[in-house]
Protein backbone atom coordinates (compact mmCIF):
# COMPACT_ATOMS: atom_id res chain seq x y z
CA UNK A 1 0.00 0.00 0.00
CA UNK A 2 2.85 2.36 0.88
CA UNK A 3 4.56 1.70 -2.47
CA UNK A 4 1.28 2.45 -4.25
CA UNK A 5 0.96 5.78 -2.43
CA UNK A 6 4.53 6.77 -3.28
CA UNK A 7 4.02 5.68 -6.87
CA UNK A 8 0.93 7.87 -7.21
CA UNK A 9 2.79 10.77 -5.56
CA UNK A 10 5.67 10.60 -8.05
CA UNK A 11 3.34 10.23 -11.03
CA UNK A 12 1.50 13.38 -9.96
CA UNK A 13 4.50 15.44 -8.83
CA UNK A 14 7.01 14.53 -11.58
CA UNK A 15 5.25 16.48 -14.38
CA UNK A 16 5.08 19.51 -12.10
CA UNK A 17 8.72 19.31 -10.95
CA UNK A 18 10.05 18.72 -14.47
CA UNK A 19 7.64 21.17 -16.12
CA UNK A 20 10.43 23.57 -17.32
CA UNK A 21 12.08 20.80 -19.34
CA UNK A 22 8.71 19.47 -20.54
CA UNK A 23 7.74 22.94 -21.80
CA UNK A 24 11.16 23.35 -23.43
CA UNK A 25 10.76 20.07 -25.35
CA UNK A 26 7.14 20.92 -26.20
CA UNK A 27 8.27 24.20 -27.77
CA UNK A 28 10.92 22.63 -30.06
CA UNK A 29 8.64 22.01 -33.08
CA UNK A 30 7.14 25.48 -32.69
CA UNK A 31 10.59 27.08 -32.63
CA UNK A 32 11.52 25.09 -35.75
CA UNK A 33 8.40 26.33 -37.57
CA UNK A 34 9.16 29.89 -36.45
CA UNK A 35 12.77 29.67 -37.64
CA UNK A 36 11.66 28.27 -40.99
CA UNK A 37 10.18 31.68 -41.83
CA UNK A 38 13.64 33.28 -41.90
CA UNK A 39 16.61 32.88 -44.18
CA UNK A 40 18.67 29.68 -43.75
CA UNK A 41 21.40 31.59 -41.90
CA UNK A 42 18.97 33.27 -39.50
CA UNK A 43 17.06 29.99 -38.99
CA UNK A 44 20.30 28.21 -38.17
CA UNK A 45 21.22 30.93 -35.66
CA UNK A 46 17.83 30.72 -33.94
CA UNK A 47 17.91 26.93 -33.65
CA UNK A 48 21.54 26.94 -32.51
CA UNK A 49 20.82 29.51 -29.81
CA UNK A 50 17.78 27.53 -28.64
CA UNK A 51 19.98 24.48 -28.05
CA UNK A 52 23.29 26.06 -27.05
CA UNK A 53 22.10 28.65 -24.49
CA UNK A 54 20.65 26.07 -22.05
CA UNK A 55 23.79 23.95 -22.46
CA UNK A 56 25.98 26.95 -21.62
CA UNK A 57 23.93 27.66 -18.48
CA UNK A 58 24.22 23.98 -17.52
CA UNK A 59 27.98 24.15 -18.07
CA UNK A 60 28.34 27.20 -15.83
CA UNK A 61 26.36 25.41 -13.08
CA UNK A 62 28.60 22.34 -13.38
CA UNK A 63 31.84 24.33 -13.33
CA UNK A 64 30.65 26.42 -10.38
CA UNK A 65 29.86 23.32 -8.31
CA UNK A 66 33.18 21.69 -9.22
CA UNK A 67 35.19 24.84 -8.41
CA UNK A 68 33.49 25.13 -5.02
CA UNK A 69 34.35 21.51 -4.22
CA UNK A 70 37.95 21.86 -5.44
CA UNK A 71 38.43 25.07 -3.42
CA UNK A 72 37.24 23.37 -0.24
CA UNK A 73 39.46 20.35 -0.93
CA UNK A 74 42.46 22.65 -1.36
CA UNK A 75 41.82 24.09 2.10
CA UNK A 76 41.65 20.58 3.56
CA UNK A 77 44.89 19.61 1.83
CA UNK A 78 46.55 22.69 3.36
CA UNK A 79 45.80 21.60 6.95
CA UNK A 80 49.04 20.74 8.85
CA UNK A 81 49.37 16.95 9.12
CA UNK A 82 51.79 14.37 10.49
CA UNK A 83 53.88 12.75 7.76
CA UNK A 84 52.89 9.19 6.90
CA UNK A 85 56.53 8.09 7.31
CA UNK A 86 56.19 8.70 11.04
CA UNK A 87 53.44 6.08 11.39
CA UNK A 88 54.90 2.79 12.55
CA UNK A 89 53.04 -0.32 11.35
CA UNK A 90 52.58 -1.54 14.93
CA UNK A 91 50.45 1.46 15.87
CA UNK A 92 46.95 0.38 16.88
CA UNK A 93 44.01 1.94 15.05
CA UNK A 94 41.07 2.52 17.37
CA UNK A 95 37.76 4.32 17.29
CA UNK A 96 36.29 6.60 19.95
CA UNK A 97 34.54 3.52 21.31
CA UNK A 98 38.03 2.13 22.00
CA UNK A 99 37.59 -0.80 19.61
CA UNK A 100 40.61 -2.24 17.85
CA UNK A 101 40.23 -2.46 14.09
CA UNK A 102 41.89 -5.62 12.76
CA UNK A 103 44.76 -4.86 10.38
CA UNK A 104 44.84 -6.76 7.08
CA UNK A 105 47.59 -7.10 4.49
CA UNK A 106 47.26 -4.28 1.95
CA UNK A 107 46.58 -5.26 -1.66
CA UNK A 108 47.66 -3.04 -4.60
CA UNK A 109 44.19 -3.38 -6.08
CA UNK A 110 42.47 -2.27 -2.86
CA UNK A 111 41.43 -3.65 0.49
CA UNK A 112 39.63 -7.01 0.49
CA UNK A 113 35.94 -7.10 1.40
CA UNK A 114 35.04 -7.75 5.06
CA UNK A 115 35.01 -11.35 6.19
CA UNK A 116 31.65 -13.05 6.46
CA UNK A 117 30.43 -13.58 9.06
CA UNK A 118 32.02 -10.45 10.50
CA UNK A 119 34.54 -11.21 13.23
CA UNK A 120 33.86 -9.59 16.63
CA UNK A 121 36.05 -6.60 17.31
CA UNK A 122 38.71 -6.94 19.95
CA UNK A 123 38.01 -4.80 23.02
CA UNK A 124 40.92 -2.86 24.50
CA UNK A 125 41.65 -3.52 28.15
CA UNK A 126 44.01 -0.55 28.30
CA UNK A 127 44.64 2.28 25.88
CA UNK A 128 48.17 2.23 24.44
CA UNK A 129 50.43 5.23 24.97
CA UNK A 130 50.58 5.90 21.24
CA UNK A 131 47.87 5.03 18.75
CA UNK A 132 45.87 6.22 15.75
CA UNK A 133 42.36 7.44 16.48
CA UNK A 134 39.79 7.02 13.72
CA UNK A 135 36.80 9.34 14.05
CA UNK A 136 34.05 9.01 11.45
CA UNK A 137 31.90 11.78 12.92
CA UNK A 138 34.46 14.43 13.80
CA UNK A 139 34.28 18.18 14.01
CA UNK A 140 35.26 20.01 10.83
CA UNK A 141 38.30 22.29 11.29
CA UNK A 142 37.18 24.58 8.47
CA UNK A 143 33.52 24.69 9.45
CA UNK A 144 30.58 23.35 7.49
CA UNK A 145 29.84 26.66 5.73
CA UNK A 146 26.13 25.97 6.08
CA UNK A 147 26.32 23.15 3.53
CA UNK A 148 25.03 19.63 3.84
CA UNK A 149 27.49 16.74 3.74
CA UNK A 150 27.84 14.62 0.64
CA UNK A 151 26.50 11.22 1.69
CA UNK A 152 29.24 8.84 2.80
CA UNK A 153 31.99 11.44 2.36
CA UNK A 154 32.87 12.31 5.91
CA UNK A 155 33.84 13.95 7.99
CA UNK A 156 36.48 11.23 8.53
CA UNK A 157 39.48 12.10 10.66
CA UNK A 158 42.59 10.16 11.61
CA UNK A 159 44.79 11.52 14.39
CA UNK A 160 47.99 10.37 16.05
CA UNK A 161 47.54 10.37 19.83
CA UNK A 162 50.68 10.40 21.93
CA UNK A 163 51.04 11.39 25.60
CA UNK A 164 47.57 12.91 25.57
CA UNK A 165 48.31 15.12 22.54
CA UNK A 166 46.65 14.73 19.15
CA UNK A 167 48.18 15.44 15.74
CA UNK A 168 46.17 15.33 12.54
CA UNK A 169 47.18 12.57 10.12
CA UNK A 170 44.40 12.79 7.55
CA UNK A 171 41.02 14.43 7.13
CA UNK A 172 38.28 13.87 4.58
CA UNK A 173 35.07 15.80 4.12
CA UNK A 174 33.13 16.68 0.98
CA UNK A 175 30.44 19.36 1.35
CA UNK A 176 27.38 18.85 -0.81
CA UNK A 177 27.96 20.84 -3.98
CA UNK A 178 25.71 18.91 -6.36
CA UNK A 179 26.80 18.90 -9.99
CA UNK A 180 23.96 18.88 -12.53
CA UNK A 181 23.72 15.53 -14.27
CA UNK A 182 23.93 14.98 -18.03
CA UNK A 183 21.82 15.26 -20.10
CA UNK A 184 20.72 18.68 -18.79
CA UNK A 185 17.29 18.53 -17.17
CA UNK A 186 15.93 21.72 -15.64
CA UNK A 187 13.38 21.49 -12.81
CA UNK A 188 11.49 23.92 -10.61
CA UNK A 189 14.37 23.55 -8.12
CA UNK A 190 17.18 24.13 -10.61
CA UNK A 191 19.27 21.66 -12.59
CA UNK A 192 18.49 18.04 -11.81
CA UNK A 193 21.22 16.13 -9.97
CA UNK A 194 21.53 12.68 -8.44
CA UNK A 195 20.08 12.34 -4.92
CA UNK A 196 22.40 12.65 -1.94
CA UNK A 197 21.99 9.07 -0.72
CA UNK A 198 24.30 6.12 -0.10
CA UNK A 199 24.01 2.70 1.54
CA UNK A 200 25.89 1.65 4.68
CA UNK A 201 28.06 -0.83 2.74
CA UNK A 202 29.47 1.97 0.60
CA UNK A 203 30.02 4.18 3.68
CA UNK A 204 32.14 1.41 5.25
CA UNK A 205 34.06 1.05 1.99
CA UNK A 206 34.75 4.81 1.96
CA UNK A 207 36.09 4.67 5.53
CA UNK A 208 38.35 1.73 4.67
CA UNK A 209 39.58 3.55 1.57
CA UNK A 210 40.23 6.69 3.61
CA UNK A 211 42.45 4.80 6.09
CA UNK A 212 44.21 2.93 3.30
CA UNK A 213 45.18 6.14 1.51
CA UNK A 214 46.28 7.76 4.80
CA UNK A 215 48.35 4.87 6.18
CA UNK A 216 48.77 2.21 3.51
CA UNK A 217 46.93 -0.21 5.79
CA UNK A 218 43.62 -2.03 5.48
CA UNK A 219 41.16 -2.28 8.33
CA UNK A 220 38.15 -4.38 9.22
CA UNK A 221 35.43 -1.78 9.80
C-alpha atoms as a PDB file:
ATOM      1  CA  UNK A   1       0.000   0.000   0.000  1.00  0.00           C
ATOM      2  CA  UNK A   2       2.849   2.365   0.880  1.00  0.00           C
ATOM      3  CA  UNK A   3       4.559   1.696  -2.466  1.00  0.00           C
ATOM      4  CA  UNK A   4       1.283   2.453  -4.255  1.00  0.00           C
ATOM      5  CA  UNK A   5       0.962   5.776  -2.428  1.00  0.00           C
ATOM      6  CA  UNK A   6       4.534   6.773  -3.277  1.00  0.00           C
ATOM      7  CA  UNK A   7       4.017   5.678  -6.867  1.00  0.00           C
ATOM      8  CA  UNK A   8       0.934   7.870  -7.214  1.00  0.00           C
ATOM      9  CA  UNK A   9       2.790  10.775  -5.564  1.00  0.00           C
ATOM     10  CA  UNK A  10       5.669  10.600  -8.054  1.00  0.00           C
ATOM     11  CA  UNK A  11       3.337  10.231 -11.027  1.00  0.00           C
ATOM     12  CA  UNK A  12       1.496  13.378  -9.962  1.00  0.00           C
ATOM     13  CA  UNK A  13       4.499  15.444  -8.835  1.00  0.00           C
ATOM     14  CA  UNK A  14       7.008  14.529 -11.575  1.00  0.00           C
ATOM     15  CA  UNK A  15       5.246  16.476 -14.381  1.00  0.00           C
ATOM     16  CA  UNK A  16       5.085  19.515 -12.101  1.00  0.00           C
ATOM     17  CA  UNK A  17       8.720  19.308 -10.947  1.00  0.00           C
ATOM     18  CA  UNK A  18      10.051  18.715 -14.474  1.00  0.00           C
ATOM     19  CA  UNK A  19       7.644  21.165 -16.120  1.00  0.00           C
ATOM     20  CA  UNK A  20      10.427  23.571 -17.317  1.00  0.00           C
ATOM     21  CA  UNK A  21      12.078  20.800 -19.345  1.00  0.00           C
ATOM     22  CA  UNK A  22       8.712  19.466 -20.540  1.00  0.00           C
ATOM     23  CA  UNK A  23       7.738  22.945 -21.798  1.00  0.00           C
ATOM     24  CA  UNK A  24      11.162  23.346 -23.433  1.00  0.00           C
ATOM     25  CA  UNK A  25      10.761  20.074 -25.351  1.00  0.00           C
ATOM     26  CA  UNK A  26       7.138  20.917 -26.196  1.00  0.00           C
ATOM     27  CA  UNK A  27       8.275  24.198 -27.769  1.00  0.00           C
ATOM     28  CA  UNK A  28      10.916  22.632 -30.058  1.00  0.00           C
ATOM     29  CA  UNK A  29       8.642  22.006 -33.075  1.00  0.00           C
ATOM     30  CA  UNK A  30       7.144  25.478 -32.687  1.00  0.00           C
ATOM     31  CA  UNK A  31      10.592  27.085 -32.635  1.00  0.00           C
ATOM     32  CA  UNK A  32      11.519  25.085 -35.745  1.00  0.00           C
ATOM     33  CA  UNK A  33       8.401  26.326 -37.565  1.00  0.00           C
ATOM     34  CA  UNK A  34       9.159  29.891 -36.446  1.00  0.00           C
ATOM     35  CA  UNK A  35      12.773  29.672 -37.637  1.00  0.00           C
ATOM     36  CA  UNK A  36      11.664  28.275 -40.993  1.00  0.00           C
ATOM     37  CA  UNK A  37      10.181  31.685 -41.827  1.00  0.00           C
ATOM     38  CA  UNK A  38      13.636  33.285 -41.905  1.00  0.00           C
ATOM     39  CA  UNK A  39      16.613  32.881 -44.177  1.00  0.00           C
ATOM     40  CA  UNK A  40      18.673  29.682 -43.748  1.00  0.00           C
ATOM     41  CA  UNK A  41      21.400  31.588 -41.896  1.00  0.00           C
ATOM     42  CA  UNK A  42      18.966  33.266 -39.499  1.00  0.00           C
ATOM     43  CA  UNK A  43      17.060  29.993 -38.991  1.00  0.00           C
ATOM     44  CA  UNK A  44      20.303  28.211 -38.173  1.00  0.00           C
ATOM     45  CA  UNK A  45      21.221  30.928 -35.664  1.00  0.00           C
ATOM     46  CA  UNK A  46      17.828  30.719 -33.943  1.00  0.00           C
ATOM     47  CA  UNK A  47      17.913  26.927 -33.653  1.00  0.00           C
ATOM     48  CA  UNK A  48      21.541  26.939 -32.511  1.00  0.00           C
ATOM     49  CA  UNK A  49      20.818  29.508 -29.806  1.00  0.00           C
ATOM     50  CA  UNK A  50      17.784  27.525 -28.640  1.00  0.00           C
ATOM     51  CA  UNK A  51      19.980  24.481 -28.048  1.00  0.00           C
ATOM     52  CA  UNK A  52      23.288  26.056 -27.050  1.00  0.00           C
ATOM     53  CA  UNK A  53      22.102  28.654 -24.493  1.00  0.00           C
ATOM     54  CA  UNK A  54      20.652  26.067 -22.045  1.00  0.00           C
ATOM     55  CA  UNK A  55      23.794  23.947 -22.457  1.00  0.00           C
ATOM     56  CA  UNK A  56      25.979  26.949 -21.621  1.00  0.00           C
ATOM     57  CA  UNK A  57      23.930  27.657 -18.484  1.00  0.00           C
ATOM     58  CA  UNK A  58      24.219  23.980 -17.524  1.00  0.00           C
ATOM     59  CA  UNK A  59      27.984  24.145 -18.068  1.00  0.00           C
ATOM     60  CA  UNK A  60      28.336  27.197 -15.832  1.00  0.00           C
ATOM     61  CA  UNK A  61      26.362  25.413 -13.079  1.00  0.00           C
ATOM     62  CA  UNK A  62      28.598  22.338 -13.384  1.00  0.00           C
ATOM     63  CA  UNK A  63      31.839  24.327 -13.334  1.00  0.00           C
ATOM     64  CA  UNK A  64      30.650  26.420 -10.377  1.00  0.00           C
ATOM     65  CA  UNK A  65      29.859  23.317  -8.314  1.00  0.00           C
ATOM     66  CA  UNK A  66      33.183  21.694  -9.223  1.00  0.00           C
ATOM     67  CA  UNK A  67      35.186  24.843  -8.413  1.00  0.00           C
ATOM     68  CA  UNK A  68      33.494  25.132  -5.017  1.00  0.00           C
ATOM     69  CA  UNK A  69      34.347  21.510  -4.223  1.00  0.00           C
ATOM     70  CA  UNK A  70      37.945  21.861  -5.438  1.00  0.00           C
ATOM     71  CA  UNK A  71      38.432  25.068  -3.420  1.00  0.00           C
ATOM     72  CA  UNK A  72      37.244  23.367  -0.236  1.00  0.00           C
ATOM     73  CA  UNK A  73      39.460  20.346  -0.926  1.00  0.00           C
ATOM     74  CA  UNK A  74      42.460  22.652  -1.357  1.00  0.00           C
ATOM     75  CA  UNK A  75      41.815  24.095   2.105  1.00  0.00           C
ATOM     76  CA  UNK A  76      41.650  20.580   3.563  1.00  0.00           C
ATOM     77  CA  UNK A  77      44.890  19.614   1.826  1.00  0.00           C
ATOM     78  CA  UNK A  78      46.548  22.693   3.356  1.00  0.00           C
ATOM     79  CA  UNK A  79      45.803  21.601   6.947  1.00  0.00           C
ATOM     80  CA  UNK A  80      49.036  20.738   8.848  1.00  0.00           C
ATOM     81  CA  UNK A  81      49.372  16.954   9.124  1.00  0.00           C
ATOM     82  CA  UNK A  82      51.789  14.367  10.488  1.00  0.00           C
ATOM     83  CA  UNK A  83      53.877  12.752   7.764  1.00  0.00           C
ATOM     84  CA  UNK A  84      52.891   9.188   6.896  1.00  0.00           C
ATOM     85  CA  UNK A  85      56.532   8.094   7.312  1.00  0.00           C
ATOM     86  CA  UNK A  86      56.185   8.696  11.040  1.00  0.00           C
ATOM     87  CA  UNK A  87      53.442   6.079  11.395  1.00  0.00           C
ATOM     88  CA  UNK A  88      54.902   2.788  12.553  1.00  0.00           C
ATOM     89  CA  UNK A  89      53.040  -0.325  11.350  1.00  0.00           C
ATOM     90  CA  UNK A  90      52.578  -1.538  14.928  1.00  0.00           C
ATOM     91  CA  UNK A  91      50.453   1.456  15.872  1.00  0.00           C
ATOM     92  CA  UNK A  92      46.954   0.384  16.882  1.00  0.00           C
ATOM     93  CA  UNK A  93      44.006   1.936  15.054  1.00  0.00           C
ATOM     94  CA  UNK A  94      41.075   2.515  17.372  1.00  0.00           C
ATOM     95  CA  UNK A  95      37.763   4.323  17.294  1.00  0.00           C
ATOM     96  CA  UNK A  96      36.290   6.602  19.946  1.00  0.00           C
ATOM     97  CA  UNK A  97      34.543   3.523  21.310  1.00  0.00           C
ATOM     98  CA  UNK A  98      38.035   2.126  22.000  1.00  0.00           C
ATOM     99  CA  UNK A  99      37.593  -0.800  19.613  1.00  0.00           C
ATOM    100  CA  UNK A 100      40.609  -2.238  17.848  1.00  0.00           C
ATOM    101  CA  UNK A 101      40.233  -2.458  14.095  1.00  0.00           C
ATOM    102  CA  UNK A 102      41.889  -5.618  12.762  1.00  0.00           C
ATOM    103  CA  UNK A 103      44.760  -4.859  10.380  1.00  0.00           C
ATOM    104  CA  UNK A 104      44.844  -6.758   7.083  1.00  0.00           C
ATOM    105  CA  UNK A 105      47.592  -7.102   4.485  1.00  0.00           C
ATOM    106  CA  UNK A 106      47.257  -4.275   1.946  1.00  0.00           C
ATOM    107  CA  UNK A 107      46.580  -5.263  -1.655  1.00  0.00           C
ATOM    108  CA  UNK A 108      47.663  -3.042  -4.599  1.00  0.00           C
ATOM    109  CA  UNK A 109      44.188  -3.382  -6.084  1.00  0.00           C
ATOM    110  CA  UNK A 110      42.466  -2.275  -2.865  1.00  0.00           C
ATOM    111  CA  UNK A 111      41.435  -3.650   0.495  1.00  0.00           C
ATOM    112  CA  UNK A 112      39.633  -7.013   0.491  1.00  0.00           C
ATOM    113  CA  UNK A 113      35.939  -7.098   1.397  1.00  0.00           C
ATOM    114  CA  UNK A 114      35.040  -7.746   5.059  1.00  0.00           C
ATOM    115  CA  UNK A 115      35.012 -11.347   6.194  1.00  0.00           C
ATOM    116  CA  UNK A 116      31.648 -13.048   6.456  1.00  0.00           C
ATOM    117  CA  UNK A 117      30.427 -13.580   9.064  1.00  0.00           C
ATOM    118  CA  UNK A 118      32.025 -10.446  10.497  1.00  0.00           C
ATOM    119  CA  UNK A 119      34.539 -11.208  13.225  1.00  0.00           C
ATOM    120  CA  UNK A 120      33.861  -9.593  16.632  1.00  0.00           C
ATOM    121  CA  UNK A 121      36.055  -6.600  17.308  1.00  0.00           C
ATOM    122  CA  UNK A 122      38.709  -6.935  19.952  1.00  0.00           C
ATOM    123  CA  UNK A 123      38.014  -4.801  23.018  1.00  0.00           C
ATOM    124  CA  UNK A 124      40.916  -2.857  24.496  1.00  0.00           C
ATOM    125  CA  UNK A 125      41.652  -3.519  28.147  1.00  0.00           C
ATOM    126  CA  UNK A 126      44.013  -0.549  28.305  1.00  0.00           C
ATOM    127  CA  UNK A 127      44.641   2.284  25.880  1.00  0.00           C
ATOM    128  CA  UNK A 128      48.171   2.231  24.440  1.00  0.00           C
ATOM    129  CA  UNK A 129      50.430   5.226  24.967  1.00  0.00           C
ATOM    130  CA  UNK A 130      50.579   5.895  21.236  1.00  0.00           C
ATOM    131  CA  UNK A 131      47.871   5.031  18.748  1.00  0.00           C
ATOM    132  CA  UNK A 132      45.866   6.216  15.748  1.00  0.00           C
ATOM    133  CA  UNK A 133      42.356   7.443  16.484  1.00  0.00           C
ATOM    134  CA  UNK A 134      39.790   7.024  13.720  1.00  0.00           C
ATOM    135  CA  UNK A 135      36.801   9.337  14.055  1.00  0.00           C
ATOM    136  CA  UNK A 136      34.051   9.005  11.453  1.00  0.00           C
ATOM    137  CA  UNK A 137      31.901  11.783  12.924  1.00  0.00           C
ATOM    138  CA  UNK A 138      34.459  14.432  13.803  1.00  0.00           C
ATOM    139  CA  UNK A 139      34.281  18.180  14.009  1.00  0.00           C
ATOM    140  CA  UNK A 140      35.260  20.009  10.835  1.00  0.00           C
ATOM    141  CA  UNK A 141      38.305  22.294  11.291  1.00  0.00           C
ATOM    142  CA  UNK A 142      37.182  24.576   8.467  1.00  0.00           C
ATOM    143  CA  UNK A 143      33.523  24.692   9.446  1.00  0.00           C
ATOM    144  CA  UNK A 144      30.577  23.351   7.489  1.00  0.00           C
ATOM    145  CA  UNK A 145      29.845  26.658   5.734  1.00  0.00           C
ATOM    146  CA  UNK A 146      26.132  25.965   6.077  1.00  0.00           C
ATOM    147  CA  UNK A 147      26.317  23.153   3.533  1.00  0.00           C
ATOM    148  CA  UNK A 148      25.034  19.628   3.842  1.00  0.00           C
ATOM    149  CA  UNK A 149      27.492  16.741   3.739  1.00  0.00           C
ATOM    150  CA  UNK A 150      27.835  14.617   0.641  1.00  0.00           C
ATOM    151  CA  UNK A 151      26.496  11.219   1.695  1.00  0.00           C
ATOM    152  CA  UNK A 152      29.244   8.842   2.804  1.00  0.00           C
ATOM    153  CA  UNK A 153      31.993  11.436   2.360  1.00  0.00           C
ATOM    154  CA  UNK A 154      32.873  12.310   5.914  1.00  0.00           C
ATOM    155  CA  UNK A 155      33.836  13.953   7.988  1.00  0.00           C
ATOM    156  CA  UNK A 156      36.479  11.232   8.527  1.00  0.00           C
ATOM    157  CA  UNK A 157      39.483  12.103  10.660  1.00  0.00           C
ATOM    158  CA  UNK A 158      42.593  10.160  11.606  1.00  0.00           C
ATOM    159  CA  UNK A 159      44.795  11.521  14.389  1.00  0.00           C
ATOM    160  CA  UNK A 160      47.990  10.374  16.054  1.00  0.00           C
ATOM    161  CA  UNK A 161      47.538  10.371  19.827  1.00  0.00           C
ATOM    162  CA  UNK A 162      50.684  10.403  21.932  1.00  0.00           C
ATOM    163  CA  UNK A 163      51.037  11.394  25.605  1.00  0.00           C
ATOM    164  CA  UNK A 164      47.570  12.913  25.568  1.00  0.00           C
ATOM    165  CA  UNK A 165      48.307  15.121  22.542  1.00  0.00           C
ATOM    166  CA  UNK A 166      46.648  14.735  19.147  1.00  0.00           C
ATOM    167  CA  UNK A 167      48.183  15.445  15.741  1.00  0.00           C
ATOM    168  CA  UNK A 168      46.174  15.327  12.537  1.00  0.00           C
ATOM    169  CA  UNK A 169      47.179  12.574  10.121  1.00  0.00           C
ATOM    170  CA  UNK A 170      44.399  12.787   7.548  1.00  0.00           C
ATOM    171  CA  UNK A 171      41.019  14.431   7.128  1.00  0.00           C
ATOM    172  CA  UNK A 172      38.279  13.867   4.579  1.00  0.00           C
ATOM    173  CA  UNK A 173      35.067  15.795   4.122  1.00  0.00           C
ATOM    174  CA  UNK A 174      33.134  16.685   0.982  1.00  0.00           C
ATOM    175  CA  UNK A 175      30.436  19.361   1.346  1.00  0.00           C
ATOM    176  CA  UNK A 176      27.379  18.846  -0.808  1.00  0.00           C
ATOM    177  CA  UNK A 177      27.959  20.844  -3.985  1.00  0.00           C
ATOM    178  CA  UNK A 178      25.707  18.909  -6.360  1.00  0.00           C
ATOM    179  CA  UNK A 179      26.805  18.904  -9.989  1.00  0.00           C
ATOM    180  CA  UNK A 180      23.963  18.879 -12.530  1.00  0.00           C
ATOM    181  CA  UNK A 181      23.720  15.533 -14.273  1.00  0.00           C
ATOM    182  CA  UNK A 182      23.935  14.978 -18.028  1.00  0.00           C
ATOM    183  CA  UNK A 183      21.819  15.258 -20.099  1.00  0.00           C
ATOM    184  CA  UNK A 184      20.723  18.678 -18.792  1.00  0.00           C
ATOM    185  CA  UNK A 185      17.293  18.534 -17.174  1.00  0.00           C
ATOM    186  CA  UNK A 186      15.928  21.721 -15.637  1.00  0.00           C
ATOM    187  CA  UNK A 187      13.380  21.493 -12.812  1.00  0.00           C
ATOM    188  CA  UNK A 188      11.491  23.916 -10.606  1.00  0.00           C
ATOM    189  CA  UNK A 189      14.373  23.548  -8.119  1.00  0.00           C
ATOM    190  CA  UNK A 190      17.176  24.132 -10.612  1.00  0.00           C
ATOM    191  CA  UNK A 191      19.266  21.659 -12.588  1.00  0.00           C
ATOM    192  CA  UNK A 192      18.488  18.042 -11.814  1.00  0.00           C
ATOM    193  CA  UNK A 193      21.221  16.126  -9.971  1.00  0.00           C
ATOM    194  CA  UNK A 194      21.529  12.681  -8.445  1.00  0.00           C
ATOM    195  CA  UNK A 195      20.081  12.335  -4.923  1.00  0.00           C
ATOM    196  CA  UNK A 196      22.397  12.652  -1.943  1.00  0.00           C
ATOM    197  CA  UNK A 197      21.993   9.072  -0.716  1.00  0.00           C
ATOM    198  CA  UNK A 198      24.301   6.117  -0.103  1.00  0.00           C
ATOM    199  CA  UNK A 199      24.012   2.700   1.541  1.00  0.00           C
ATOM    200  CA  UNK A 200      25.894   1.650   4.677  1.00  0.00           C
ATOM    201  CA  UNK A 201      28.062  -0.828   2.742  1.00  0.00           C
ATOM    202  CA  UNK A 202      29.472   1.974   0.601  1.00  0.00           C
ATOM    203  CA  UNK A 203      30.023   4.176   3.679  1.00  0.00           C
ATOM    204  CA  UNK A 204      32.143   1.407   5.250  1.00  0.00           C
ATOM    205  CA  UNK A 205      34.063   1.051   1.989  1.00  0.00           C
ATOM    206  CA  UNK A 206      34.746   4.807   1.962  1.00  0.00           C
ATOM    207  CA  UNK A 207      36.092   4.672   5.534  1.00  0.00           C
ATOM    208  CA  UNK A 208      38.352   1.725   4.669  1.00  0.00           C
ATOM    209  CA  UNK A 209      39.578   3.545   1.567  1.00  0.00           C
ATOM    210  CA  UNK A 210      40.234   6.695   3.615  1.00  0.00           C
ATOM    211  CA  UNK A 211      42.447   4.800   6.091  1.00  0.00           C
ATOM    212  CA  UNK A 212      44.212   2.926   3.298  1.00  0.00           C
ATOM    213  CA  UNK A 213      45.182   6.139   1.515  1.00  0.00           C
ATOM    214  CA  UNK A 214      46.279   7.757   4.796  1.00  0.00           C
ATOM    215  CA  UNK A 215      48.355   4.874   6.182  1.00  0.00           C
ATOM    216  CA  UNK A 216      48.768   2.209   3.506  1.00  0.00           C
ATOM    217  CA  UNK A 217      46.930  -0.207   5.786  1.00  0.00           C
ATOM    218  CA  UNK A 218      43.625  -2.032   5.484  1.00  0.00           C
ATOM    219  CA  UNK A 219      41.164  -2.285   8.329  1.00  0.00           C
ATOM    220  CA  UNK A 220      38.151  -4.377   9.223  1.00  0.00           C
ATOM    221  CA  UNK A 221      35.434  -1.779   9.802  1.00  0.00           C
END
